């Protein structure tokens, strides 16, 4: 049967088919990954990028090519990982730009769209190299441009262009010496061919194959490449800016390293660069706008350990508050929860920062709600963990307050050998942060998995969080208290002091005071009382746009406990601020007997 057009529905199903094949072959892609760095993660990066797309497509009911392409581009840019993932994202972004205003495409208009997509992919790179994914993209699109005048059938178009792409892939070792030396084809290019294979099979058969296993390069003869790393860190982030363009960003970052890729859509720029100075990269970008979604991978460690697995990874959710540098340095995996203001939904700490959340909390006519991550979000993190670690321990906010832990448990059952252990952290914000810190220290100490789990459970029982609530207005808006209690509290200027109980992590009233200052002093007395049984305590403070209050607590606690140790202060997770409201400062401590 001939196919004369591609609409949004066909594009969606074709991309999902291609994504499944990339996921199926990601281990092999990792094994042949030698360029630009032999760090064994191309398969993971491409699969992760495609999974980000398919997660959004699963909920996409649009039928026009414009609308579906926009969903693909947005999700690709948000989820792009590594060189190959970034190039794919910009390719999809260029395609979306080309099909703006269109409902469906014929062969001729499809040829124009992929040509624009190819140009966008090349534009994203500062130093495009022959023999890579870009070469295969170029050869494939050139054939489609030529074929547009000879056929109107997409089945014929994809069959012939796939053969051209495969030949281009086979020729990559002729164009890149490191591939010839290693006896492999380019991993990113192979991944793109897998994407085309999946799409082509769907176009031809009208269904998604469950058994596509095309042989491409026998891996048993692959030689290990000892490449010298000029730059140690694969550095990625998202820049949100209305006052810059990709040319300005490339010029600014060109001196910091190589493999620079800048992909952009509207006011968002996804940055990928290999550098020895990741913090300086982030600092340089901060002059253009807000820098978020920071990610630093040590490629030297990846290269040295690509065939070894670390013992235990620590995973948590975005309700956990810890200093950003601590999260990065200790490779803590974060599953983002969702925040909704009416029709607007954001991924916590990815699409909205805590500071921006609290500003919106005051200004929005909608009271925000929180919801657990999709199973696909856990799956994406867990698959990355399983690839590099023997086990993962997933610590989450209290079951009584959220379905986040239940979602983690359901996702963990997808994996054999009890690879992922899920634990109720029975706390939020910096309280949960201190529990995660204990887990990290146990991993560093070289404890066995069961010993780490035991230490986490012990930490849960010895971590306390206390917060004086400056206004009960947000507790009323969130349905936590009724209007009679709200009226009484407002009339008497009562400030409740909240904590999380040890039984199930439920929020409970531990005290109240007349006036906020009295409430803060009373909070200190409550902390002193609960800290008395312990020989040593460690503090952390979170605030909801209330840094002065956080600093006041820090000074008082250092005086009260005769400590010279600096107490970390972080922005409070929205899961706390939804009910506590802006102006809240919370103190958490863990006690050691």
Protein backbone atom coordinates (compact mmCIF):
# COMPACT_ATOMS: atom_id res chain seq x y z
CA UNK A 1 0.00 0.00 0.00
CA UNK A 2 1.31 3.41 -0.94
CA UNK A 3 1.37 6.21 1.62
CA UNK A 4 0.96 9.68 0.15
CA UNK A 5 1.18 11.79 3.29
CA UNK A 6 2.49 11.90 6.86
CA UNK A 7 0.35 13.59 9.51
CA UNK A 8 0.86 14.02 13.24
CA UNK A 9 -0.50 10.58 14.12
CA UNK A 10 1.85 8.78 11.73
CA UNK A 11 4.82 10.87 12.85
CA UNK A 12 4.06 10.08 16.50
CA UNK A 13 3.84 6.34 15.94
CA UNK A 14 6.90 6.27 13.71
CA UNK A 15 9.05 8.11 16.27
CA UNK A 16 7.86 5.82 19.06
CA UNK A 17 8.82 2.81 16.90
CA UNK A 18 12.29 4.29 16.28
CA UNK A 19 12.70 5.06 19.97
CA UNK A 20 11.93 1.46 20.89
CA UNK A 21 14.65 0.21 18.60
CA UNK A 22 17.22 2.65 20.02
CA UNK A 23 16.30 1.45 23.53
CA UNK A 24 16.66 -2.15 22.39
CA UNK A 25 20.13 -1.50 20.98
CA UNK A 26 21.50 0.99 23.52
CA UNK A 27 23.93 -1.47 25.14
CA UNK A 28 25.54 -2.18 21.77
CA UNK A 29 25.69 1.54 21.02
CA UNK A 30 27.51 2.09 24.32
CA UNK A 31 30.06 -0.60 23.40
CA UNK A 32 31.03 1.01 20.09
CA UNK A 33 31.15 4.57 21.48
CA UNK A 34 34.71 5.84 20.84
CA UNK A 35 34.10 9.38 19.51
CA UNK A 36 34.35 12.16 20.59
CA UNK A 37 35.19 10.43 23.89
CA UNK A 38 35.28 6.70 24.58
CA UNK A 39 33.08 7.00 27.66
CA UNK A 40 30.54 4.35 26.70
CA UNK A 41 27.35 6.37 27.03
CA UNK A 42 26.08 7.16 23.51
CA UNK A 43 23.41 4.47 23.68
CA UNK A 44 22.19 5.72 27.02
CA UNK A 45 22.18 9.35 25.89
CA UNK A 46 20.23 8.64 22.70
CA UNK A 47 17.76 6.36 24.50
CA UNK A 48 17.27 8.89 27.28
CA UNK A 49 16.63 11.69 24.78
CA UNK A 50 14.14 9.56 22.84
CA UNK A 51 12.43 8.41 26.05
CA UNK A 52 11.87 12.04 26.98
CA UNK A 53 10.09 12.45 23.64
CA UNK A 54 7.99 9.29 23.85
CA UNK A 55 6.84 10.08 27.40
CA UNK A 56 5.27 13.29 26.07
CA UNK A 57 3.97 11.63 22.90
CA UNK A 58 2.14 9.02 24.98
CA UNK A 59 -0.14 11.81 26.23
CA UNK A 60 -0.33 13.63 22.88
CA UNK A 61 -3.65 13.37 21.00
CA UNK A 62 -2.92 16.00 18.31
CA UNK A 63 -3.30 14.97 14.69
CA UNK A 64 -1.55 17.78 12.82
CA UNK A 65 2.12 17.49 11.89
CA UNK A 66 2.73 20.97 13.34
CA UNK A 67 1.38 20.15 16.81
CA UNK A 68 3.04 16.75 17.15
CA UNK A 69 6.37 18.11 15.86
CA UNK A 70 6.20 20.89 18.45
CA UNK A 71 5.71 18.32 21.25
CA UNK A 72 8.65 16.30 19.90
CA UNK A 73 10.92 19.36 19.72
CA UNK A 74 10.02 20.68 23.18
CA UNK A 75 10.49 17.33 24.90
CA UNK A 76 13.71 16.60 22.98
CA UNK A 77 15.31 19.84 24.09
CA UNK A 78 14.25 19.33 27.70
CA UNK A 79 15.55 15.75 27.74
CA UNK A 80 18.59 15.98 25.45
CA UNK A 81 21.68 14.22 26.81
CA UNK A 82 25.19 14.07 25.41
CA UNK A 83 26.49 14.98 21.94
CA UNK A 84 24.18 12.64 20.06
CA UNK A 85 21.11 13.55 22.09
CA UNK A 86 21.72 17.26 21.59
CA UNK A 87 22.13 16.83 17.82
CA UNK A 88 18.91 14.79 17.65
CA UNK A 89 17.09 17.46 19.64
CA UNK A 90 18.19 20.24 17.30
CA UNK A 91 17.27 18.10 14.28
CA UNK A 92 13.74 17.68 15.64
CA UNK A 93 13.61 21.36 16.53
CA UNK A 94 14.55 22.33 12.97
CA UNK A 95 11.91 19.95 11.62
CA UNK A 96 9.27 21.55 13.87
CA UNK A 97 10.20 25.01 12.63
CA UNK A 98 9.84 23.86 9.02
CA UNK A 99 6.35 22.38 9.45
CA UNK A 100 4.83 25.33 11.29
CA UNK A 101 1.25 25.85 10.14
CA UNK A 102 1.02 22.47 8.36
CA UNK A 103 -1.45 19.67 9.03
CA UNK A 104 0.25 16.99 6.92
CA UNK A 105 3.22 16.60 4.59
CA UNK A 106 3.61 15.07 1.16
CA UNK A 107 7.00 13.81 -0.05
CA UNK A 108 8.02 17.21 -1.44
CA UNK A 109 7.19 19.17 1.71
CA UNK A 110 8.76 16.42 3.85
CA UNK A 111 11.98 16.82 1.86
CA UNK A 112 11.98 20.55 2.59
CA UNK A 113 11.38 19.92 6.29
CA UNK A 114 14.22 17.40 6.73
CA UNK A 115 16.56 19.70 4.81
CA UNK A 116 15.78 22.48 7.30
CA UNK A 117 16.23 19.99 10.16
CA UNK A 118 19.63 18.94 8.80
CA UNK A 119 20.76 22.58 8.57
CA UNK A 120 19.63 23.17 12.15
CA UNK A 121 21.61 20.16 13.38
CA UNK A 122 24.77 21.41 11.67
CA UNK A 123 24.18 24.92 12.98
CA UNK A 124 24.10 23.67 16.57
CA UNK A 125 27.68 22.35 16.31
CA UNK A 126 30.72 24.60 16.51
CA UNK A 127 32.96 22.04 14.81
CA UNK A 128 30.96 19.54 12.69
CA UNK A 129 33.00 16.42 11.86
CA UNK A 130 32.70 14.06 8.93
CA UNK A 131 32.15 10.41 9.82
CA UNK A 132 29.61 11.15 12.58
CA UNK A 133 25.85 11.25 12.96
CA UNK A 134 25.89 14.54 11.03
CA UNK A 135 27.32 12.82 7.95
CA UNK A 136 24.56 10.21 7.93
CA UNK A 137 21.91 12.89 8.45
CA UNK A 138 23.40 14.85 5.53
CA UNK A 139 23.55 11.87 3.16
CA UNK A 140 20.04 10.72 4.11
CA UNK A 141 18.47 14.14 3.57
CA UNK A 142 20.36 14.62 0.27
CA UNK A 143 18.85 11.39 -1.03
CA UNK A 144 15.38 12.46 0.08
CA UNK A 145 15.79 15.80 -1.72
CA UNK A 146 16.79 13.94 -4.88
CA UNK A 147 14.03 11.31 -4.53
CA UNK A 148 11.27 13.89 -4.03
CA UNK A 149 11.07 14.33 -7.81
CA UNK A 150 10.84 10.60 -8.49
CA UNK A 151 8.20 9.32 -6.08
CA UNK A 152 5.18 10.44 -4.11
CA UNK A 153 5.17 7.32 -1.92
CA UNK A 154 6.62 7.45 1.62
CA UNK A 155 7.09 3.67 1.73
CA UNK A 156 9.40 3.81 -1.29
CA UNK A 157 11.06 6.98 0.02
CA UNK A 158 11.96 5.46 3.39
CA UNK A 159 13.07 2.14 1.93
CA UNK A 160 15.55 3.72 -0.47
CA UNK A 161 16.74 6.45 1.92
CA UNK A 162 17.34 3.88 4.67
CA UNK A 163 19.71 2.00 2.39
CA UNK A 164 21.59 5.23 1.70
CA UNK A 165 21.83 5.92 5.44
CA UNK A 166 23.18 2.41 6.07
CA UNK A 167 25.85 2.85 3.41
CA UNK A 168 26.78 6.23 4.86
CA UNK A 169 27.06 4.56 8.27
CA UNK A 170 29.28 1.81 6.87
CA UNK A 171 31.57 4.49 5.41
CA UNK A 172 32.06 6.41 8.69
CA UNK A 173 35.34 4.60 9.52
CA UNK A 174 36.75 5.86 6.22
CA UNK A 175 36.16 9.44 7.36
CA UNK A 176 37.20 9.25 11.01
CA UNK A 177 40.50 7.53 11.83
CA UNK A 178 39.58 6.65 15.41
CA UNK A 179 36.65 4.56 14.10
CA UNK A 180 38.88 2.66 11.67
CA UNK A 181 41.45 2.08 14.41
CA UNK A 182 38.77 0.70 16.74
CA UNK A 183 37.00 -1.42 14.13
CA UNK A 184 33.61 0.21 14.67
CA UNK A 185 31.17 2.58 13.00
CA UNK A 186 30.16 5.84 14.69
CA UNK A 187 27.81 5.11 17.60
CA UNK A 188 25.69 8.26 17.16
CA UNK A 189 25.34 7.56 13.44
CA UNK A 190 24.34 3.97 14.20
CA UNK A 191 21.71 5.26 16.63
CA UNK A 192 20.27 7.55 13.94
CA UNK A 193 20.07 4.59 11.53
CA UNK A 194 18.20 2.62 14.21
CA UNK A 195 15.76 5.51 14.49
CA UNK A 196 15.22 5.41 10.71
CA UNK A 197 14.85 1.61 10.78
CA UNK A 198 12.09 1.85 13.36
CA UNK A 199 10.27 4.61 11.46
CA UNK A 200 10.69 2.82 8.12
CA UNK A 201 9.33 -0.43 9.50
CA UNK A 202 6.28 1.36 10.85
CA UNK A 203 5.72 3.25 7.58
CA UNK A 204 6.01 0.01 5.61
CA UNK A 205 4.12 -2.42 7.90
CA UNK A 206 1.72 -0.06 9.64
CA UNK A 207 2.67 -1.48 13.04
CA UNK A 208 5.56 -1.37 15.48
CA UNK A 209 7.88 -4.33 15.25
CA UNK A 210 8.62 -6.20 18.45
CA UNK A 211 11.53 -8.12 17.03
CA UNK A 212 13.62 -5.70 14.94
CA UNK A 213 17.18 -6.78 15.57
CA UNK A 214 19.20 -5.70 12.55
CA UNK A 215 22.84 -6.82 12.81
CA UNK A 216 25.22 -3.94 12.21
CA UNK A 217 28.70 -4.34 13.68
CA UNK A 218 30.01 -7.42 15.43
CA UNK A 219 31.17 -6.23 18.81
CA UNK A 220 33.26 -9.20 19.89
CA UNK A 221 36.15 -7.89 17.81
CA UNK A 222 35.85 -4.30 19.01
CA UNK A 223 39.17 -3.06 20.35
CA UNK A 224 39.41 -0.81 23.35
CA UNK A 225 40.67 2.68 22.50
CA UNK A 226 42.98 4.48 24.90
CA UNK A 227 42.11 8.05 24.04
CA UNK A 228 43.61 11.05 25.80
CA UNK A 229 41.05 13.39 27.26
CA UNK A 230 41.77 17.05 26.61
CA UNK A 231 38.71 18.06 28.63
CA UNK A 232 37.51 16.08 31.64
CA UNK A 233 33.90 17.13 32.23
CA UNK A 234 30.82 16.73 30.02
CA UNK A 235 28.91 19.84 31.06
CA UNK A 236 25.24 20.44 30.28
CA UNK A 237 22.58 22.92 31.36
CA UNK A 238 19.50 24.84 30.31
CA UNK A 239 19.67 28.61 29.81
CA UNK A 240 16.47 30.64 29.88
CA UNK A 241 17.12 33.99 28.25
CA UNK A 242 15.31 36.64 26.21
CA UNK A 243 18.46 38.66 25.54
CA UNK A 244 20.75 36.25 23.71
CA UNK A 245 21.02 34.05 20.63
CA UNK A 246 22.97 30.90 19.84
CA UNK A 247 25.74 32.85 18.07
CA UNK A 248 26.39 34.96 21.18
CA UNK A 249 26.43 31.88 23.41
CA UNK A 250 28.80 29.97 21.13
CA UNK A 251 31.18 32.94 21.04
CA UNK A 252 31.07 33.25 24.84
CA UNK A 253 31.75 29.57 25.50
CA UNK A 254 34.16 28.69 22.70
CA UNK A 255 37.21 29.28 24.91
CA UNK A 256 35.99 26.91 27.64
CA UNK A 257 36.31 23.61 25.76
CA UNK A 258 35.19 21.60 22.75
CA UNK A 259 32.20 19.55 21.56
CA UNK A 260 30.14 22.69 22.06
CA UNK A 261 26.51 22.29 21.01
CA UNK A 262 23.86 24.97 21.48
CA UNK A 263 20.28 24.01 20.74
CA UNK A 264 17.49 26.51 21.14
CA UNK A 265 13.73 26.85 21.00
CA UNK A 266 11.96 30.10 21.86
CA UNK A 267 13.82 31.51 24.89
CA UNK A 268 15.38 28.23 26.02
CA UNK A 269 18.89 27.11 25.14
CA UNK A 270 20.24 23.64 25.91
CA UNK A 271 24.02 23.76 26.23
CA UNK A 272 26.47 20.86 25.88
CA UNK A 273 30.25 21.33 26.16
CA UNK A 274 33.32 19.30 27.17
CA UNK A 275 35.29 21.49 29.56
CA UNK A 276 37.73 21.51 32.44
CA UNK A 277 35.87 24.43 34.05
CA UNK A 278 32.16 23.57 34.33
CA UNK A 279 31.47 26.13 37.06
CA UNK A 280 32.96 28.88 34.91
CA UNK A 281 30.73 27.75 32.03
CA UNK A 282 27.67 28.18 34.26
CA UNK A 283 28.93 31.54 35.53
CA UNK A 284 29.50 32.82 31.99
CA UNK A 285 26.01 31.75 30.97
CA UNK A 286 24.42 33.38 34.01
CA UNK A 287 25.17 36.78 32.46
CA UNK A 288 22.63 35.95 29.75
CA UNK A 289 19.80 34.71 31.98
CA UNK A 290 18.75 31.89 34.32
CA UNK A 291 20.90 28.75 34.30
CA UNK A 292 19.10 25.56 35.30
CA UNK A 293 19.25 21.76 34.89
CA UNK A 294 23.01 21.73 35.52
CA UNK A 295 24.73 18.41 34.89
CA UNK A 296 28.43 17.55 35.17
CA UNK A 297 29.76 14.10 34.21
CA UNK A 298 33.39 13.16 34.85
CA UNK A 299 34.35 11.59 31.51
CA UNK A 300 37.69 10.37 32.81
CA UNK A 301 35.94 8.34 35.49
CA UNK A 302 33.38 7.11 32.94
CA UNK A 303 36.16 6.08 30.60
CA UNK A 304 38.08 4.25 33.31
CA UNK A 305 35.01 2.51 34.69
CA UNK A 306 32.81 1.97 31.67
CA UNK A 307 33.07 -1.80 32.15
CA UNK A 308 32.82 -1.62 35.95
CA UNK A 309 29.85 -0.77 38.12
CA UNK A 310 29.78 1.35 41.26
CA UNK A 311 28.17 -0.43 44.23
CA UNK A 312 25.22 1.80 45.24
CA UNK A 313 23.49 4.87 43.81
CA UNK A 314 21.30 7.21 45.87
CA UNK A 315 18.06 8.49 44.34
CA UNK A 316 15.51 10.92 45.74
CA UNK A 317 12.84 13.33 44.51
CA UNK A 318 12.73 17.10 44.16
CA UNK A 319 11.04 17.47 47.56
CA UNK A 320 14.55 16.85 48.95
CA UNK A 321 16.55 20.03 49.61
CA UNK A 322 20.36 19.94 49.55
CA UNK A 323 23.02 22.39 48.37
CA UNK A 324 23.28 22.18 44.59
CA UNK A 325 27.02 21.56 44.62
CA UNK A 326 26.55 18.65 47.05
CA UNK A 327 24.01 17.07 44.69
CA UNK A 328 26.37 17.36 41.72
CA UNK A 329 29.55 16.25 43.50
CA UNK A 330 27.88 13.18 44.96
CA UNK A 331 25.96 12.25 41.81
CA UNK A 332 22.59 12.11 43.57
CA UNK A 333 19.80 11.24 41.15
CA UNK A 334 16.66 13.39 41.33
CA UNK A 335 13.18 12.41 40.10
CA UNK A 336 11.24 15.69 39.62
CA UNK A 337 7.71 16.03 40.99
CA UNK A 338 5.09 18.06 39.11
CA UNK A 339 3.72 21.44 40.13
CA UNK A 340 0.50 22.85 38.69
CA UNK A 341 -0.96 26.34 38.80
CA UNK A 342 -4.35 25.73 37.21
CA UNK A 343 -3.68 24.77 33.58
CA UNK A 344 0.08 25.40 33.86
CA UNK A 345 2.25 22.43 34.87
CA UNK A 346 5.97 22.53 35.66
CA UNK A 347 8.64 19.98 36.53
CA UNK A 348 9.90 21.01 39.95
CA UNK A 349 13.39 22.60 39.93
CA UNK A 350 13.71 21.96 36.18
CA UNK A 351 11.05 24.10 34.55
CA UNK A 352 10.53 26.34 37.59
CA UNK A 353 12.99 27.34 40.31
CA UNK A 354 11.95 27.54 43.99
CA UNK A 355 12.31 31.34 43.92
CA UNK A 356 10.08 31.61 40.84
CA UNK A 357 7.59 29.22 42.45
CA UNK A 358 7.19 31.41 45.53
CA UNK A 359 6.72 34.52 43.42
CA UNK A 360 4.01 32.73 41.45
CA UNK A 361 2.46 31.42 44.67
CA UNK A 362 1.75 35.02 45.68
CA UNK A 363 0.67 36.35 42.28
CA UNK A 364 -1.27 33.47 40.71
CA UNK A 365 -5.04 33.22 41.05
CA UNK A 366 -4.60 29.44 41.27
CA UNK A 367 -3.38 27.70 44.39
CA UNK A 368 -0.70 25.23 43.29
CA UNK A 369 -1.02 21.48 43.55
CA UNK A 370 1.73 18.89 43.52
CA UNK A 371 1.61 15.49 41.85
CA UNK A 372 3.89 12.48 41.69
CA UNK A 373 6.22 11.90 38.74
CA UNK A 374 5.10 9.68 35.88
CA UNK A 375 6.36 6.08 35.94
CA UNK A 376 8.44 6.94 32.88
CA UNK A 377 10.36 9.54 34.94
CA UNK A 378 11.36 6.92 37.50
CA UNK A 379 12.17 4.46 34.72
CA UNK A 380 14.51 6.92 33.03
CA UNK A 381 16.46 7.46 36.26
CA UNK A 382 16.44 3.81 37.30
CA UNK A 383 17.75 2.67 33.92
CA UNK A 384 20.64 5.10 34.18
CA UNK A 385 21.38 3.81 37.68
CA UNK A 386 21.25 0.14 36.66
CA UNK A 387 23.62 0.85 33.80
CA UNK A 388 26.36 2.14 36.12
CA UNK A 389 25.59 0.74 39.60
CA UNK A 390 24.98 -2.65 41.17
CA UNK A 391 22.08 -1.32 43.26
CA UNK A 392 20.03 1.81 43.74
CA UNK A 393 18.36 3.13 46.91
CA UNK A 394 15.41 5.45 46.27
CA UNK A 395 14.44 7.69 49.23
CA UNK A 396 11.24 9.72 48.96
CA UNK A 397 8.87 12.08 50.75
CA UNK A 398 6.28 10.56 53.12
CA UNK A 399 3.76 8.12 51.66
CA UNK A 400 1.00 9.80 53.67
CA UNK A 401 1.50 13.09 51.79
CA UNK A 402 2.15 11.87 48.24
CA UNK A 403 1.99 8.98 45.81
CA UNK A 404 5.66 9.59 44.96
CA UNK A 405 6.92 6.63 47.01
CA UNK A 406 4.21 4.33 45.61
CA UNK A 407 5.22 5.36 42.08
CA UNK A 408 8.85 4.59 42.87
CA UNK A 409 7.87 1.16 44.22
CA UNK A 410 5.84 0.35 41.10
CA UNK A 411 8.71 1.39 38.84
CA UNK A 412 11.23 -0.59 40.90
CA UNK A 413 9.27 -3.79 40.22
CA UNK A 414 10.17 -3.49 36.55
CA UNK A 415 13.72 -4.56 37.43
CA UNK A 416 14.98 -7.93 38.61
CA UNK A 417 17.28 -8.90 41.48
CA UNK A 418 15.88 -6.18 43.76
CA UNK A 419 18.02 -3.68 41.89
CA UNK A 420 16.14 -0.71 43.38
CA UNK A 421 15.23 -0.43 47.08
CA UNK A 422 12.57 2.16 47.97
CA UNK A 423 12.46 3.82 51.40
CA UNK A 424 9.99 6.25 52.99
CA UNK A 425 12.06 9.24 54.13
CA UNK A 426 9.17 10.40 56.40
CA UNK A 427 10.25 13.99 55.96
CA UNK A 428 10.48 16.78 53.40
CA UNK A 429 12.83 19.59 52.35
CA UNK A 430 16.01 19.72 54.45
CA UNK A 431 14.68 16.97 56.71
CA UNK A 432 14.70 14.61 53.74
CA UNK A 433 18.00 16.18 52.68
CA UNK A 434 19.71 15.11 55.91
CA UNK A 435 18.46 11.55 55.43
CA UNK A 436 19.90 11.50 51.91
CA UNK A 437 23.18 12.94 53.24
CA UNK A 438 23.45 10.01 55.64
CA UNK A 439 22.91 7.63 52.75
CA UNK A 440 25.67 9.28 50.74
CA UNK A 441 28.10 9.13 53.67
CA UNK A 442 27.31 5.43 54.14
CA UNK A 443 28.09 4.77 50.46
CA UNK A 444 31.36 6.71 50.76
CA UNK A 445 32.29 4.64 53.81
CA UNK A 446 32.07 1.52 51.67
CA UNK A 447 29.22 -0.11 53.60
CA UNK A 448 27.31 -3.00 52.07
CA UNK A 449 23.85 -2.43 50.61
CA UNK A 450 21.97 -3.83 53.62
CA UNK A 451 24.10 -1.73 55.99
CA UNK A 452 23.36 1.42 54.00
CA UNK A 453 19.63 0.66 54.13
CA UNK A 454 19.86 0.16 57.90
CA UNK A 455 21.72 3.45 58.33
CA UNK A 456 19.08 5.29 56.27
CA UNK A 457 16.27 3.87 58.39
CA UNK A 458 18.14 4.89 61.52
CA UNK A 459 18.57 8.41 60.11
CA UNK A 460 14.82 8.63 59.39
CA UNK A 461 14.15 8.01 63.10
CA UNK A 462 16.66 10.67 64.21
CA UNK A 463 15.92 13.54 61.84
CA UNK A 464 13.60 16.35 62.92
CA UNK A 465 12.23 19.36 61.05
CA UNK A 466 10.49 22.36 62.61
CA UNK A 467 8.92 25.33 60.87
CA UNK A 468 7.09 28.38 62.18
CA UNK A 469 4.28 29.25 59.76
CA UNK A 470 4.08 33.05 59.26
CA UNK A 471 0.51 32.92 57.88
CA UNK A 472 -2.16 30.23 57.82
CA UNK A 473 -3.66 31.65 54.61
CA UNK A 474 -1.93 29.07 52.43
CA UNK A 475 -2.99 26.20 54.70
CA UNK A 476 -6.59 27.30 54.15
CA UNK A 477 -6.10 27.60 50.38
CA UNK A 478 -4.63 24.12 50.33
CA UNK A 479 -7.46 22.68 52.43
CA UNK A 480 -5.22 21.81 55.41
CA UNK A 481 -7.33 23.79 57.93
CA UNK A 482 -10.90 25.06 57.86
CA UNK A 483 -12.06 28.66 57.94
CA UNK A 484 -13.07 28.67 61.65
CA UNK A 485 -9.51 27.77 62.72
CA UNK A 486 -8.14 30.24 60.15
CA UNK A 487 -10.30 33.02 61.61
CA UNK A 488 -9.18 32.20 65.16
CA UNK A 489 -5.51 32.16 64.16
CA UNK A 490 -5.85 35.47 62.30
CA UNK A 491 -7.70 37.11 65.17
CA UNK A 492 -5.20 36.03 67.84
CA UNK A 493 -2.12 36.34 65.55
CA UNK A 494 -1.31 32.70 66.29
CA UNK A 495 1.67 31.19 64.49
CA UNK A 496 1.64 27.38 64.33
CA UNK A 497 4.89 25.41 64.58
CA UNK A 498 4.88 22.25 62.48
CA UNK A 499 6.94 19.08 62.45
CA UNK A 500 6.75 15.61 60.82
CA UNK A 501 6.01 12.66 63.07
CA UNK A 502 8.10 9.50 63.22
CA UNK A 503 5.23 7.08 62.72
CA UNK A 504 4.36 7.89 59.10
CA UNK A 505 5.85 11.29 58.33
CA UNK A 506 2.56 13.12 58.71
CA UNK A 507 2.65 16.87 59.39
CA UNK A 508 1.61 17.67 62.95
CA UNK A 509 1.34 20.69 65.25
CA UNK A 510 4.13 20.76 67.81
CA UNK A 511 3.46 24.23 69.23
CA UNK A 512 2.07 27.69 68.62
CA UNK A 513 2.90 31.25 69.62
CA UNK A 514 1.42 34.72 69.44
CA UNK A 515 3.41 36.60 66.81
CA UNK A 516 6.04 35.36 64.43
CA UNK A 517 9.10 36.45 66.44
CA UNK A 518 7.77 34.63 69.50
CA UNK A 519 7.13 31.64 67.28
CA UNK A 520 10.73 31.60 66.04
CA UNK A 521 12.09 31.78 69.60
CA UNK A 522 9.72 29.02 70.67
CA UNK A 523 10.93 26.93 67.72
CA UNK A 524 14.49 27.26 69.03
CA UNK A 525 13.37 26.01 72.46
CA UNK A 526 11.62 23.04 70.87
CA UNK A 527 14.78 22.25 68.90
CA UNK A 528 16.87 22.43 72.09
CA UNK A 529 14.48 20.01 73.84
CA UNK A 530 14.56 17.45 71.02
CA UNK A 531 18.35 17.74 70.66
CA UNK A 532 19.08 17.08 74.37
CA UNK A 533 19.30 13.24 74.12
CA UNK A 534 21.99 13.45 71.43
CA UNK A 535 25.75 13.83 71.83
CA UNK A 536 26.06 15.56 68.48
CA UNK A 537 23.66 17.25 66.05
CA UNK A 538 23.95 18.47 62.45
CA UNK A 539 21.69 21.22 61.08
CA UNK A 540 20.39 22.43 57.75
CA UNK A 541 17.98 25.31 57.08
CA UNK A 542 15.53 25.92 54.23
CA UNK A 543 13.59 29.07 53.48
CA UNK A 544 10.77 30.16 51.20
CA UNK A 545 11.99 33.58 50.04
CA UNK A 546 12.98 34.31 53.66
CA UNK A 547 16.75 34.33 53.69
CA UNK A 548 16.99 36.82 56.58
CA UNK A 549 15.00 34.48 58.83
CA UNK A 550 17.19 31.57 57.78
CA UNK A 551 20.32 33.53 58.67
CA UNK A 552 18.79 34.48 62.04
CA UNK A 553 18.20 30.80 62.82
CA UNK A 554 21.75 29.97 61.73
CA UNK A 555 23.32 32.51 64.08
CA UNK A 556 21.11 31.50 67.02
CA UNK A 557 21.76 27.79 66.52
CA UNK A 558 25.51 28.29 66.37
CA UNK A 559 25.33 30.24 69.63
CA UNK A 560 22.98 27.75 71.30
CA UNK A 561 25.10 24.71 70.43
CA UNK A 562 28.51 26.41 70.65
CA UNK A 563 29.31 25.45 67.09
CA UNK A 564 31.61 27.09 64.57
CA UNK A 565 30.42 24.86 61.73
CA UNK A 566 28.64 26.72 58.96
CA UNK A 567 25.02 25.63 58.64
CA UNK A 568 23.92 25.11 55.02
CA UNK A 569 20.99 27.32 53.91
CA UNK A 570 18.97 26.33 50.84
CA UNK A 571 15.75 27.29 49.05
CA UNK A 572 12.79 25.31 50.37
CA UNK A 573 11.14 22.75 48.13
CA UNK A 574 7.72 23.84 46.85
CA UNK A 575 6.16 20.75 48.46
CA UNK A 576 6.75 22.50 51.81
CA UNK A 577 5.94 26.00 50.55
CA UNK A 578 2.59 25.04 49.03
CA UNK A 579 1.14 24.85 52.53
CA UNK A 580 3.60 26.90 54.60
CA UNK A 581 3.67 29.81 52.17
CA UNK A 582 6.39 32.36 51.36
CA UNK A 583 8.23 33.80 54.34
CA UNK A 584 8.65 30.41 56.00
CA UNK A 585 11.99 29.22 57.34
CA UNK A 586 12.43 25.59 58.43
CA UNK A 587 15.19 24.07 60.58
CA UNK A 588 16.10 20.39 60.37
CA UNK A 589 18.67 18.46 62.39
CA UNK A 590 19.90 14.91 62.70
CA UNK A 591 21.04 13.63 66.09
CA UNK A 592 23.86 11.18 66.80
CA UNK A 593 23.87 9.23 70.10
